[in-house]
Every structure is written in C-alpha cells, then in structure tokens.
Amino acid sequence: MFGMIWALFQACSTKKGFMRLVTLVFKDPHEHFIIYNAYTLAEVEFKEVVRANGSPYIDHLRITAVLVIFVMLLLGTRNVHAVVAALLHDLLEDTLWTFEKLVRRYCFDVASLVLDVTRQEYLDLGSRVRDELYQWQLEQVGFWSGVIKVCDKMHNLATLWAMPMSNQTKTLQSAWDFYLPYARKRRVLPRTFLVVLLYAEMRARLKSC
C-alpha cells in the first residue's frame, strides 16, 4: 500500500497531475471546477509560505488531499467536499478567512469540515492543555474530518526531520499517544501511519546522534 501511495504522490507532484487524478476519480465537471477553485485559492493564500523542509506550502495541502482521495478509493466512495476541505484545511487557522466567508464561497459542509480540524485559540491556557482540548475536539468530529486530520498529520510526520529537535520530540510523542490510536480507531490508513511514524522517529534519532 505504501508503494501505491508513493506512486500517487509522484503522479500528483504538480497542479496538473493532481487535477488529472481528480478527473479520473470524480466524473462531474462541476466537481472538477470546485476542486480546481479550492486549489487555486490555496495557492493564492499560501503563495509566500514555505515549510521547514523548504517546500512550498501548497505541496503539503496537495499531498493531504491526495491521501484523502486515496482513502476514498479504498472505500469505494467519493466526497468532493472532503477533498476541497483537505486543500483548505489550514485556511481558518493560518489566514484571515472566516467560517462565514468559507460558507459563502463553497458551502456549509466544506466550511464545517475545515472548522472541525482547525485548532482553536484557547486563551490563557498552557500548550499542554491546548493540545488536550484539541485532541478532545478531534474525538468529536465526523468521519471525513477525521480522515483529513490523519492525512494531514501523516504528511507532517513524513517531513518532521526538518523541524527543530524539540518540536520533533513533542510531535512524535503526541503521534504515539494520540494520533496512531486515532488512526486505528477511525480506520484511516493505520498501517501506513505506523510506517510513517516509525520513519519519522528513526530520522529523529539519527539527527540527535
């Protein structure tokens, strides 16, 4: 399965490749337009953002969406709103966009999926409490919101090596304690998640040597 996912990543390494996958999976031209529109919006909003590993932020959003589509293929189902939300999953957290604006641009379902995975600003609370509240939030969300979060976290782990060691240690601990059990409970690529987590931990140990 890991090989299949890697092949999808290679085929979808550009916007053109990603949209080719979309047209193969979704048959309605209107759905193609909605996904293309979301991709373009993500490109604009994150055009100046670069991840710690040096890649454009749109790469992370595209890979998250590809993983969500892969889950759909495994389940034999389609959910265009989940793909759109995967492309926009950081919009409410990292830009000036609001829930209401997302509803107007797309629909309530898309905006709700994005809101479900958006970390809220719990003021005057320590980072540990904020993390616990966010994990509680994720436990309450629906299936596709959970899929988006697992796919997002999986790619974050795959590129964790570029982060400072203190960030790596904290992220790995939360992945073992919460996100791996969460992936298993939600039945969202649990074996693949474990492989990626082991890879991230191995690279972290090598870096610390």
N, C-alpha and C. Protein backbone atom coordinates (compact mmCIF):
# COMPACT_ATOMS: atom_id res chain seq x y z
N MET A 1 0.82 -1.20 0.00
CA MET A 1 0.00 0.00 0.00
C MET A 1 0.86 1.26 0.00
N PHE A 2 1.97 1.21 0.76
CA PHE A 2 2.84 2.37 0.80
C PHE A 2 3.37 2.70 -0.59
N GLY A 3 3.67 1.64 -1.38
CA GLY A 3 4.14 1.86 -2.75
C GLY A 3 3.08 2.52 -3.62
N MET A 4 1.83 2.14 -3.43
CA MET A 4 0.74 2.74 -4.20
C MET A 4 0.61 4.23 -3.88
N ILE A 5 0.73 4.56 -2.58
CA ILE A 5 0.62 5.96 -2.18
C ILE A 5 1.78 6.76 -2.76
N TRP A 6 2.98 6.19 -2.72
CA TRP A 6 4.14 6.89 -3.27
C TRP A 6 3.98 7.14 -4.77
N ALA A 7 3.43 6.16 -5.47
CA ALA A 7 3.19 6.32 -6.91
C ALA A 7 2.19 7.45 -7.16
N LEU A 8 1.17 7.54 -6.32
CA LEU A 8 0.20 8.64 -6.44
C LEU A 8 0.86 9.99 -6.21
N PHE A 9 1.73 10.06 -5.21
CA PHE A 9 2.45 11.30 -4.95
C PHE A 9 3.25 11.73 -6.16
N GLN A 10 3.93 10.77 -6.77
CA GLN A 10 4.76 11.07 -7.94
C GLN A 10 3.90 11.57 -9.10
N ALA A 11 2.75 10.94 -9.27
CA ALA A 11 1.86 11.33 -10.37
C ALA A 11 1.18 12.68 -10.11
N CYS A 12 1.09 13.05 -8.84
CA CYS A 12 0.39 14.28 -8.47
C CYS A 12 1.34 15.34 -7.91
N SER A 13 2.55 15.38 -8.43
CA SER A 13 3.55 16.31 -7.91
C SER A 13 3.35 17.74 -8.40
N THR A 14 2.40 17.93 -9.30
CA THR A 14 2.08 19.27 -9.81
C THR A 14 0.57 19.46 -9.77
N LYS A 15 0.17 20.70 -9.98
CA LYS A 15 -1.26 21.01 -10.03
C LYS A 15 -1.92 20.24 -11.18
N LYS A 16 -1.24 20.20 -12.32
CA LYS A 16 -1.78 19.49 -13.48
C LYS A 16 -1.95 18.01 -13.19
N GLY A 17 -0.95 17.42 -12.56
CA GLY A 17 -1.05 16.00 -12.22
C GLY A 17 -2.15 15.73 -11.22
N PHE A 18 -2.29 16.62 -10.24
CA PHE A 18 -3.34 16.47 -9.24
C PHE A 18 -4.72 16.54 -9.89
N MET A 19 -4.91 17.51 -10.79
CA MET A 19 -6.21 17.64 -11.44
C MET A 19 -6.49 16.47 -12.38
N ARG A 20 -5.45 15.87 -12.90
CA ARG A 20 -5.66 14.67 -13.72
C ARG A 20 -6.23 13.55 -12.86
N LEU A 21 -5.71 13.40 -11.64
CA LEU A 21 -6.27 12.41 -10.70
C LEU A 21 -7.72 12.74 -10.38
N VAL A 22 -8.00 14.01 -10.15
CA VAL A 22 -9.36 14.43 -9.82
C VAL A 22 -10.33 14.05 -10.93
N THR A 23 -9.95 14.27 -12.19
CA THR A 23 -10.86 13.96 -13.30
C THR A 23 -11.05 12.46 -13.47
N LEU A 24 -10.08 11.67 -13.01
CA LEU A 24 -10.24 10.22 -13.07
C LEU A 24 -11.17 9.70 -11.98
N VAL A 25 -11.14 10.35 -10.83
CA VAL A 25 -11.91 9.88 -9.68
C VAL A 25 -13.32 10.47 -9.67
N PHE A 26 -13.43 11.75 -10.00
CA PHE A 26 -14.73 12.43 -10.00
C PHE A 26 -15.18 12.67 -11.44
N LYS A 27 -16.39 12.31 -11.75
CA LYS A 27 -16.88 12.36 -13.13
C LYS A 27 -17.65 13.63 -13.47
N ASP A 28 -18.09 14.35 -12.46
CA ASP A 28 -18.90 15.55 -12.67
C ASP A 28 -18.00 16.76 -12.91
N PRO A 29 -18.09 17.41 -14.07
CA PRO A 29 -17.26 18.60 -14.35
C PRO A 29 -17.42 19.71 -13.30
N HIS A 30 -18.61 19.80 -12.71
CA HIS A 30 -18.82 20.81 -11.66
C HIS A 30 -17.93 20.51 -10.46
N GLU A 31 -17.75 19.25 -10.13
CA GLU A 31 -16.86 18.87 -9.03
C GLU A 31 -15.41 19.19 -9.37
N HIS A 32 -15.04 18.98 -10.62
CA HIS A 32 -13.69 19.35 -11.07
C HIS A 32 -13.46 20.83 -10.83
N PHE A 33 -14.45 21.64 -11.19
CA PHE A 33 -14.33 23.09 -11.05
C PHE A 33 -14.18 23.50 -9.58
N ILE A 34 -14.98 22.89 -8.70
CA ILE A 34 -14.92 23.24 -7.28
C ILE A 34 -13.55 22.91 -6.70
N ILE A 35 -13.02 21.74 -7.05
CA ILE A 35 -11.71 21.34 -6.52
C ILE A 35 -10.61 22.23 -7.10
N TYR A 36 -10.69 22.53 -8.39
CA TYR A 36 -9.71 23.43 -9.01
C TYR A 36 -9.76 24.80 -8.36
N ASN A 37 -10.96 25.28 -8.08
CA ASN A 37 -11.13 26.58 -7.43
C ASN A 37 -10.48 26.58 -6.05
N ALA A 38 -10.67 25.50 -5.29
CA ALA A 38 -10.08 25.41 -3.96
C ALA A 38 -8.55 25.35 -4.04
N TYR A 39 -8.03 24.61 -5.00
CA TYR A 39 -6.58 24.52 -5.18
C TYR A 39 -6.01 25.90 -5.49
N THR A 40 -6.67 26.62 -6.37
CA THR A 40 -6.21 27.96 -6.75
C THR A 40 -6.26 28.91 -5.56
N LEU A 41 -7.32 28.82 -4.77
CA LEU A 41 -7.42 29.64 -3.57
C LEU A 41 -6.27 29.34 -2.60
N ALA A 42 -5.99 28.06 -2.40
CA ALA A 42 -4.90 27.67 -1.51
C ALA A 42 -3.55 28.20 -2.04
N GLU A 43 -3.36 28.13 -3.35
CA GLU A 43 -2.13 28.66 -3.94
C GLU A 43 -1.98 30.15 -3.62
N VAL A 44 -3.05 30.89 -3.75
CA VAL A 44 -3.01 32.34 -3.52
C VAL A 44 -2.75 32.65 -2.05
N GLU A 45 -3.49 31.99 -1.16
CA GLU A 45 -3.41 32.31 0.26
C GLU A 45 -2.08 31.89 0.88
N PHE A 46 -1.45 30.86 0.32
CA PHE A 46 -0.20 30.35 0.91
C PHE A 46 0.99 30.53 -0.03
N LYS A 47 0.88 31.45 -0.99
CA LYS A 47 1.91 31.59 -2.02
C LYS A 47 3.27 31.98 -1.46
N GLU A 48 3.31 32.68 -0.34
CA GLU A 48 4.58 33.12 0.22
C GLU A 48 5.02 32.27 1.41
N VAL A 49 4.30 31.18 1.66
CA VAL A 49 4.61 30.33 2.81
C VAL A 49 5.47 29.15 2.36
N VAL A 50 6.56 28.94 3.07
CA VAL A 50 7.47 27.83 2.79
C VAL A 50 7.57 26.98 4.05
N ARG A 51 7.51 25.68 3.89
CA ARG A 51 7.60 24.78 5.03
C ARG A 51 9.05 24.67 5.51
N ALA A 52 9.25 24.08 6.67
CA ALA A 52 10.59 23.97 7.26
C ALA A 52 11.55 23.19 6.38
N ASN A 53 11.01 22.27 5.56
CA ASN A 53 11.88 21.47 4.68
C ASN A 53 12.17 22.18 3.36
N GLY A 54 11.68 23.41 3.22
CA GLY A 54 11.97 24.21 2.04
C GLY A 54 10.96 24.12 0.92
N SER A 55 9.95 23.27 1.07
CA SER A 55 8.96 23.10 0.01
C SER A 55 7.84 24.13 0.14
N PRO A 56 7.21 24.52 -0.98
CA PRO A 56 6.07 25.43 -0.92
C PRO A 56 4.93 24.81 -0.11
N TYR A 57 4.20 25.62 0.61
CA TYR A 57 3.15 25.09 1.48
C TYR A 57 2.06 24.37 0.69
N ILE A 58 1.86 24.77 -0.56
CA ILE A 58 0.83 24.12 -1.37
C ILE A 58 1.13 22.64 -1.54
N ASP A 59 2.40 22.26 -1.48
CA ASP A 59 2.75 20.83 -1.59
C ASP A 59 2.09 20.03 -0.46
N HIS A 60 2.14 20.58 0.75
CA HIS A 60 1.53 19.91 1.90
C HIS A 60 0.02 19.78 1.72
N LEU A 61 -0.61 20.84 1.27
CA LEU A 61 -2.07 20.82 1.08
C LEU A 61 -2.46 19.84 -0.01
N ARG A 62 -1.69 19.81 -1.10
CA ARG A 62 -1.98 18.88 -2.20
C ARG A 62 -1.79 17.43 -1.75
N ILE A 63 -0.70 17.13 -1.03
CA ILE A 63 -0.46 15.76 -0.58
C ILE A 63 -1.53 15.31 0.40
N THR A 64 -1.96 16.20 1.28
CA THR A 64 -3.06 15.86 2.19
C THR A 64 -4.31 15.48 1.40
N ALA A 65 -4.61 16.26 0.36
CA ALA A 65 -5.78 15.97 -0.47
C ALA A 65 -5.62 14.65 -1.23
N VAL A 66 -4.41 14.37 -1.71
CA VAL A 66 -4.17 13.10 -2.41
C VAL A 66 -4.41 11.93 -1.46
N LEU A 67 -3.95 12.04 -0.23
CA LEU A 67 -4.17 10.96 0.74
C LEU A 67 -5.66 10.78 1.03
N VAL A 68 -6.39 11.88 1.10
CA VAL A 68 -7.84 11.79 1.31
C VAL A 68 -8.50 11.08 0.13
N ILE A 69 -8.08 11.39 -1.07
CA ILE A 69 -8.63 10.71 -2.26
C ILE A 69 -8.27 9.23 -2.22
N PHE A 70 -7.06 8.90 -1.77
CA PHE A 70 -6.65 7.50 -1.68
C PHE A 70 -7.57 6.73 -0.73
N VAL A 71 -7.92 7.34 0.40
CA VAL A 71 -8.86 6.72 1.33
C VAL A 71 -10.20 6.48 0.64
N MET A 72 -10.65 7.44 -0.15
CA MET A 72 -11.90 7.29 -0.88
C MET A 72 -11.84 6.10 -1.84
N LEU A 73 -10.72 5.96 -2.54
CA LEU A 73 -10.56 4.85 -3.48
C LEU A 73 -10.61 3.51 -2.75
N LEU A 74 -9.99 3.46 -1.58
CA LEU A 74 -10.02 2.22 -0.79
C LEU A 74 -11.44 1.88 -0.34
N LEU A 75 -12.20 2.90 -0.02
CA LEU A 75 -13.57 2.69 0.48
C LEU A 75 -14.59 2.57 -0.64
N GLY A 76 -14.18 2.91 -1.86
CA GLY A 76 -15.11 2.86 -2.98
C GLY A 76 -16.18 3.93 -2.90
N THR A 77 -15.81 5.10 -2.39
CA THR A 77 -16.77 6.19 -2.26
C THR A 77 -16.13 7.48 -2.74
N ARG A 78 -16.93 8.54 -2.83
CA ARG A 78 -16.44 9.84 -3.27
C ARG A 78 -17.04 10.92 -2.38
N ASN A 79 -16.25 11.93 -2.06
CA ASN A 79 -16.75 13.05 -1.26
C ASN A 79 -15.98 14.30 -1.68
N VAL A 80 -16.57 15.05 -2.59
CA VAL A 80 -15.88 16.22 -3.13
C VAL A 80 -15.64 17.26 -2.04
N HIS A 81 -16.55 17.36 -1.09
CA HIS A 81 -16.38 18.34 -0.01
C HIS A 81 -15.14 18.03 0.83
N ALA A 82 -14.85 16.75 1.04
CA ALA A 82 -13.68 16.37 1.83
C ALA A 82 -12.39 16.73 1.10
N VAL A 83 -12.37 16.60 -0.22
CA VAL A 83 -11.18 16.98 -1.00
C VAL A 83 -10.96 18.48 -0.93
N VAL A 84 -12.03 19.24 -1.12
CA VAL A 84 -11.94 20.70 -1.02
C VAL A 84 -11.44 21.11 0.37
N ALA A 85 -12.01 20.50 1.40
CA ALA A 85 -11.61 20.84 2.77
C ALA A 85 -10.17 20.44 3.05
N ALA A 86 -9.72 19.35 2.46
CA ALA A 86 -8.31 18.95 2.64
C ALA A 86 -7.37 20.00 2.06
N LEU A 87 -7.72 20.53 0.91
CA LEU A 87 -6.90 21.58 0.29
C LEU A 87 -6.91 22.87 1.11
N LEU A 88 -7.99 23.08 1.85
CA LEU A 88 -8.16 24.33 2.59
C LEU A 88 -8.09 24.14 4.10
N HIS A 89 -7.55 23.01 4.55
CA HIS A 89 -7.69 22.67 5.97
C HIS A 89 -6.96 23.62 6.92
N ASP A 90 -6.01 24.39 6.42
CA ASP A 90 -5.30 25.35 7.28
C ASP A 90 -5.79 26.79 7.08
N LEU A 91 -6.80 26.97 6.28
CA LEU A 91 -7.23 28.32 5.91
C LEU A 91 -7.73 29.13 7.10
N LEU A 92 -8.58 28.53 7.93
CA LEU A 92 -9.13 29.27 9.08
C LEU A 92 -8.07 29.50 10.15
N GLU A 93 -7.12 28.58 10.25
CA GLU A 93 -6.11 28.67 11.31
C GLU A 93 -5.00 29.65 10.96
N ASP A 94 -4.65 29.76 9.68
CA ASP A 94 -3.44 30.48 9.30
C ASP A 94 -3.67 31.72 8.43
N THR A 95 -4.91 32.02 8.08
CA THR A 95 -5.19 33.20 7.25
C THR A 95 -6.33 33.99 7.87
N LEU A 96 -6.73 35.05 7.20
CA LEU A 96 -7.81 35.89 7.71
C LEU A 96 -9.20 35.41 7.29
N TRP A 97 -9.27 34.28 6.61
CA TRP A 97 -10.57 33.74 6.21
C TRP A 97 -11.38 33.36 7.45
N THR A 98 -12.69 33.50 7.34
CA THR A 98 -13.60 33.13 8.42
C THR A 98 -14.51 31.99 7.98
N PHE A 99 -15.14 31.38 8.96
CA PHE A 99 -16.09 30.30 8.69
C PHE A 99 -17.20 30.80 7.78
N GLU A 100 -17.72 31.98 8.06
CA GLU A 100 -18.83 32.53 7.28
C GLU A 100 -18.41 32.78 5.83
N LYS A 101 -17.20 33.25 5.64
CA LYS A 101 -16.71 33.50 4.29
C LYS A 101 -16.55 32.20 3.51
N LEU A 102 -16.10 31.16 4.20
CA LEU A 102 -15.97 29.84 3.55
C LEU A 102 -17.34 29.30 3.14
N VAL A 103 -18.33 29.49 4.00
CA VAL A 103 -19.69 29.04 3.67
C VAL A 103 -20.17 29.74 2.40
N ARG A 104 -19.94 31.04 2.31
CA ARG A 104 -20.38 31.80 1.13
C ARG A 104 -19.62 31.35 -0.11
N ARG A 105 -18.34 31.07 0.02
CA ARG A 105 -17.53 30.70 -1.15
C ARG A 105 -17.84 29.28 -1.63
N TYR A 106 -18.06 28.37 -0.69
CA TYR A 106 -18.31 26.96 -1.06
C TYR A 106 -19.67 26.51 -0.54
N CYS A 107 -19.68 26.00 0.68
CA CYS A 107 -20.95 25.57 1.28
C CYS A 107 -20.71 25.30 2.75
N PHE A 108 -21.79 25.05 3.47
CA PHE A 108 -21.69 24.80 4.91
C PHE A 108 -20.88 23.54 5.19
N ASP A 109 -21.05 22.50 4.39
CA ASP A 109 -20.35 21.24 4.64
C ASP A 109 -18.84 21.40 4.54
N VAL A 110 -18.37 22.11 3.52
CA VAL A 110 -16.93 22.34 3.37
C VAL A 110 -16.41 23.15 4.56
N ALA A 111 -17.11 24.23 4.88
CA ALA A 111 -16.67 25.08 5.98
C ALA A 111 -16.64 24.32 7.30
N SER A 112 -17.61 23.44 7.50
CA SER A 112 -17.67 22.66 8.74
C SER A 112 -16.51 21.69 8.85
N LEU A 113 -16.15 21.05 7.74
CA LEU A 113 -15.01 20.14 7.74
C LEU A 113 -13.72 20.88 8.09
N VAL A 114 -13.54 22.05 7.51
CA VAL A 114 -12.34 22.84 7.81
C VAL A 114 -12.34 23.28 9.27
N LEU A 115 -13.49 23.72 9.75
CA LEU A 115 -13.59 24.15 11.15
C LEU A 115 -13.30 22.99 12.11
N ASP A 116 -13.76 21.80 11.76
CA ASP A 116 -13.54 20.63 12.62
C ASP A 116 -12.07 20.39 12.91
N VAL A 117 -11.20 20.64 11.93
CA VAL A 117 -9.77 20.34 12.10
C VAL A 117 -8.94 21.59 12.42
N THR A 118 -9.63 22.70 12.66
CA THR A 118 -8.94 23.94 12.98
C THR A 118 -8.69 24.03 14.49
N ARG A 119 -7.43 24.21 14.84
CA ARG A 119 -7.07 24.35 16.25
C ARG A 119 -7.56 25.71 16.75
N GLN A 120 -8.37 25.68 17.78
CA GLN A 120 -8.93 26.92 18.32
C GLN A 120 -7.92 27.60 19.23
N GLU A 121 -8.04 28.92 19.34
CA GLU A 121 -7.17 29.69 20.22
C GLU A 121 -7.77 29.71 21.62
N TYR A 122 -7.31 28.77 22.43
CA TYR A 122 -7.78 28.73 23.82
C TYR A 122 -6.88 29.66 24.64
N LEU A 123 -7.35 30.85 24.88
CA LEU A 123 -6.52 31.88 25.50
C LEU A 123 -6.21 31.54 26.96
N ASP A 124 -5.03 31.99 27.40
CA ASP A 124 -4.61 31.89 28.80
C ASP A 124 -4.49 30.45 29.29
N LEU A 125 -4.26 29.54 28.35
CA LEU A 125 -4.06 28.15 28.74
C LEU A 125 -2.69 27.69 28.26
N GLY A 126 -2.08 26.80 29.00
CA GLY A 126 -0.77 26.29 28.61
C GLY A 126 -0.87 25.42 27.37
N SER A 127 0.27 25.17 26.73
CA SER A 127 0.28 24.40 25.48
C SER A 127 -0.22 22.98 25.68
N ARG A 128 0.07 22.39 26.84
CA ARG A 128 -0.39 21.03 27.09
C ARG A 128 -1.90 20.96 27.16
N VAL A 129 -2.51 21.92 27.85
CA VAL A 129 -3.97 21.96 27.96
C VAL A 129 -4.59 22.22 26.59
N ARG A 130 -3.98 23.15 25.83
CA ARG A 130 -4.50 23.43 24.49
C ARG A 130 -4.44 22.19 23.61
N ASP A 131 -3.36 21.42 23.72
CA ASP A 131 -3.24 20.18 22.94
C ASP A 131 -4.32 19.18 23.34
N GLU A 132 -4.56 19.06 24.64
CA GLU A 132 -5.57 18.12 25.11
C GLU A 132 -6.97 18.53 24.66
N LEU A 133 -7.23 19.83 24.66
CA LEU A 133 -8.53 20.31 24.20
C LEU A 133 -8.70 20.08 22.70
N TYR A 134 -7.61 20.24 21.95
CA TYR A 134 -7.69 19.99 20.51
C TYR A 134 -7.93 18.51 20.24
N GLN A 135 -7.27 17.65 20.99
CA GLN A 135 -7.49 16.22 20.82
C GLN A 135 -8.93 15.84 21.17
N TRP A 136 -9.45 16.44 22.23
CA TRP A 136 -10.86 16.21 22.57
C TRP A 136 -11.76 16.67 21.43
N GLN A 137 -11.44 17.81 20.84
CA GLN A 137 -12.20 18.34 19.69
C GLN A 137 -12.21 17.33 18.55
N LEU A 138 -11.04 16.77 18.26
CA LEU A 138 -10.94 15.81 17.15
C LEU A 138 -11.72 14.53 17.42
N GLU A 139 -11.85 14.17 18.69
CA GLU A 139 -12.63 12.97 19.03
C GLU A 139 -14.11 13.15 18.72
N GLN A 140 -14.57 14.41 18.64
CA GLN A 140 -15.98 14.68 18.44
C GLN A 140 -16.38 14.80 16.98
N VAL A 141 -15.41 14.94 16.08
CA VAL A 141 -15.74 15.26 14.69
C VAL A 141 -16.18 14.01 13.93
N GLY A 142 -16.77 14.25 12.75
CA GLY A 142 -17.25 13.17 11.90
C GLY A 142 -16.14 12.44 11.17
N PHE A 143 -16.53 11.43 10.41
CA PHE A 143 -15.55 10.54 9.77
C PHE A 143 -14.61 11.30 8.85
N TRP A 144 -15.13 12.10 7.93
CA TRP A 144 -14.27 12.74 6.93
C TRP A 144 -13.38 13.81 7.53
N SER A 145 -13.83 14.46 8.58
CA SER A 145 -12.96 15.38 9.29
C SER A 145 -11.78 14.62 9.89
N GLY A 146 -12.07 13.45 10.45
CA GLY A 146 -11.00 12.61 10.99
C GLY A 146 -10.04 12.15 9.92
N VAL A 147 -10.55 11.81 8.75
CA VAL A 147 -9.70 11.41 7.64
C VAL A 147 -8.73 12.54 7.27
N ILE A 148 -9.27 13.74 7.16
CA ILE A 148 -8.43 14.90 6.79
C ILE A 148 -7.33 15.09 7.82
N LYS A 149 -7.66 14.99 9.10
CA LYS A 149 -6.65 15.22 10.14
C LYS A 149 -5.58 14.14 10.14
N VAL A 150 -5.97 12.89 9.96
CA VAL A 150 -4.98 11.80 9.92
C VAL A 150 -4.04 11.99 8.73
N CYS A 151 -4.60 12.34 7.59
CA CYS A 151 -3.77 12.54 6.38
C CYS A 151 -2.84 13.74 6.55
N ASP A 152 -3.35 14.80 7.16
CA ASP A 152 -2.54 15.98 7.45
C ASP A 152 -1.38 15.62 8.38
N LYS A 153 -1.67 14.91 9.45
CA LYS A 153 -0.65 14.53 10.42
C LYS A 153 0.38 13.58 9.81
N MET A 154 -0.08 12.70 8.93
CA MET A 154 0.83 11.75 8.30
C MET A 154 1.90 12.47 7.48
N HIS A 155 1.47 13.47 6.71
CA HIS A 155 2.46 14.20 5.92
C HIS A 155 3.35 15.06 6.82
N ASN A 156 2.80 15.62 7.88
CA ASN A 156 3.63 16.36 8.82
C ASN A 156 4.74 15.48 9.40
N LEU A 157 4.39 14.24 9.72
CA LEU A 157 5.38 13.31 10.26
C LEU A 157 6.45 12.98 9.21
N ALA A 158 6.03 12.84 7.96
CA ALA A 158 6.97 12.48 6.90
C ALA A 158 8.02 13.56 6.68
N THR A 159 7.69 14.81 7.03
CA THR A 159 8.62 15.93 6.85
C THR A 159 9.10 16.48 8.19
N LEU A 160 8.93 15.70 9.25
CA LEU A 160 9.25 16.17 10.59
C LEU A 160 10.75 16.43 10.77
N TRP A 161 11.56 15.73 10.01
CA TRP A 161 13.02 15.83 10.15
C TRP A 161 13.53 17.27 9.98
N ALA A 162 12.76 18.12 9.29
CA ALA A 162 13.20 19.49 9.05
C ALA A 162 12.95 20.41 10.24
N MET A 163 12.22 19.93 11.23
CA MET A 163 11.88 20.76 12.39
C MET A 163 12.97 20.69 13.45
N PRO A 164 13.02 21.67 14.35
CA PRO A 164 13.96 21.61 15.48
C PRO A 164 13.69 20.35 16.31
N MET A 165 14.72 19.85 16.98
CA MET A 165 14.59 18.59 17.71
C MET A 165 13.51 18.65 18.79
N SER A 166 13.37 19.79 19.44
CA SER A 166 12.34 19.90 20.48
C SER A 166 10.94 19.71 19.90
N ASN A 167 10.71 20.26 18.71
CA ASN A 167 9.42 20.08 18.03
C ASN A 167 9.22 18.63 17.62
N GLN A 168 10.28 17.99 17.15
CA GLN A 168 10.18 16.60 16.74
C GLN A 168 9.80 15.71 17.91
N THR A 169 10.45 15.92 19.04
CA THR A 169 10.18 15.10 20.23
C THR A 169 8.73 15.22 20.66
N LYS A 170 8.23 16.44 20.71
CA LYS A 170 6.84 16.67 21.13
C LYS A 170 5.86 16.07 20.14
N THR A 171 6.12 16.26 18.84
CA THR A 171 5.20 15.75 17.81
C THR A 171 5.18 14.23 17.79
N LEU A 172 6.35 13.61 17.94
CA LEU A 172 6.41 12.14 17.95
C LEU A 172 5.65 11.58 19.15
N GLN A 173 5.81 12.22 20.30
CA GLN A 173 5.11 11.72 21.50
C GLN A 173 3.60 11.78 21.31
N SER A 174 3.10 12.91 20.76
CA SER A 174 1.66 13.04 20.56
C SER A 174 1.17 12.07 19.49
N ALA A 175 2.04 11.77 18.51
CA ALA A 175 1.66 10.81 17.47
C ALA A 175 1.50 9.41 18.06
N TRP A 176 2.42 9.00 18.92
CA TRP A 176 2.31 7.69 19.56
C TRP A 176 1.12 7.63 20.52
N ASP A 177 0.96 8.70 21.29
CA ASP A 177 -0.06 8.69 22.35
C ASP A 177 -1.48 8.89 21.82
N PHE A 178 -1.63 9.73 20.79
CA PHE A 178 -2.98 10.07 20.34
C PHE A 178 -3.25 9.73 18.88
N TYR A 179 -2.39 10.19 17.95
CA TYR A 179 -2.75 10.12 16.54
C TYR A 179 -2.71 8.71 15.96
N LEU A 180 -1.77 7.87 16.39
CA LEU A 180 -1.78 6.49 15.91
C LEU A 180 -3.01 5.74 16.41
N PRO A 181 -3.33 5.79 17.71
CA PRO A 181 -4.60 5.19 18.16
C PRO A 181 -5.81 5.79 17.46
N TYR A 182 -5.75 7.09 17.19
CA TYR A 182 -6.86 7.77 16.50
C TYR A 182 -7.02 7.21 15.09
N ALA A 183 -5.91 7.04 14.36
CA ALA A 183 -5.97 6.47 13.01
C ALA A 183 -6.53 5.05 13.04
N ARG A 184 -6.14 4.28 14.04
CA ARG A 184 -6.64 2.91 14.17
C ARG A 184 -8.13 2.90 14.47
N LYS A 185 -8.54 3.75 15.38
CA LYS A 185 -9.96 3.80 15.76
C LYS A 185 -10.83 4.26 14.59
N ARG A 186 -10.32 5.23 13.84
CA ARG A 186 -11.06 5.74 12.69
C ARG A 186 -10.91 4.86 11.45
N ARG A 187 -9.97 3.91 11.53
CA ARG A 187 -9.67 3.01 10.41
C ARG A 187 -9.24 3.79 9.17
N VAL A 188 -8.33 4.73 9.39
CA VAL A 188 -7.80 5.57 8.32
C VAL A 188 -6.31 5.26 8.16
N LEU A 189 -5.97 4.39 7.23
CA LEU A 189 -4.58 4.05 6.90
C LEU A 189 -3.72 3.80 8.14
N PRO A 190 -4.17 2.98 9.09
CA PRO A 190 -3.41 2.82 10.33
C PRO A 190 -2.03 2.21 10.12
N ARG A 191 -1.89 1.24 9.21
CA ARG A 191 -0.57 0.63 8.98
C ARG A 191 0.37 1.60 8.31
N THR A 192 -0.15 2.35 7.35
CA THR A 192 0.67 3.35 6.68
C THR A 192 1.10 4.42 7.66
N PHE A 193 0.18 4.83 8.53
CA PHE A 193 0.50 5.82 9.54
C PHE A 193 1.63 5.33 10.43
N LEU A 194 1.57 4.06 10.82
CA LEU A 194 2.61 3.49 11.67
C LEU A 194 3.96 3.49 10.96
N VAL A 195 3.98 3.13 9.69
CA VAL A 195 5.23 3.13 8.93
C VAL A 195 5.82 4.54 8.88
N VAL A 196 4.99 5.52 8.60
CA VAL A 196 5.46 6.91 8.53
C VAL A 196 5.95 7.38 9.90
N LEU A 197 5.26 6.99 10.94
CA LEU A 197 5.66 7.36 12.29
C LEU A 197 7.02 6.75 12.65
N LEU A 198 7.22 5.48 12.31
CA LEU A 198 8.50 4.83 12.57
C LEU A 198 9.62 5.49 11.78
N TYR A 199 9.32 5.87 10.54
CA TYR A 199 10.30 6.59 9.72
C TYR A 199 10.68 7.92 10.37
N ALA A 200 9.67 8.66 10.85
CA ALA A 200 9.93 9.96 11.48
C ALA A 200 10.77 9.79 12.75
N GLU A 201 10.46 8.75 13.52
CA GLU A 201 11.22 8.52 14.75
C GLU A 201 12.66 8.11 14.44
N MET A 202 12.84 7.30 13.41
CA MET A 202 14.20 6.87 13.04
C MET A 202 15.04 8.08 12.63
N ARG A 203 14.48 8.97 11.82
CA ARG A 203 15.22 10.15 11.38
C ARG A 203 15.53 11.07 12.56
N ALA A 204 14.60 11.17 13.50
CA ALA A 204 14.83 11.99 14.67
C ALA A 204 15.98 11.43 15.51
N ARG A 205 16.03 10.13 15.64
CA ARG A 205 17.11 9.51 16.44
C ARG A 205 18.46 9.69 15.75
N LEU A 206 18.47 9.58 14.44
CA LEU A 206 19.72 9.78 13.70
C LEU A 206 20.20 11.23 13.81
N LYS A 207 19.25 12.15 13.80
CA LYS A 207 19.59 13.56 13.91
C LYS A 207 20.17 13.90 15.28
N SER A 208 19.67 13.20 16.31
CA SER A 208 20.11 13.50 17.67
C SER A 208 21.46 12.89 18.02
N CYS A 209 21.94 11.99 17.15
CA CYS A 209 23.22 11.31 17.42
C CYS A 209 24.40 12.26 17.19
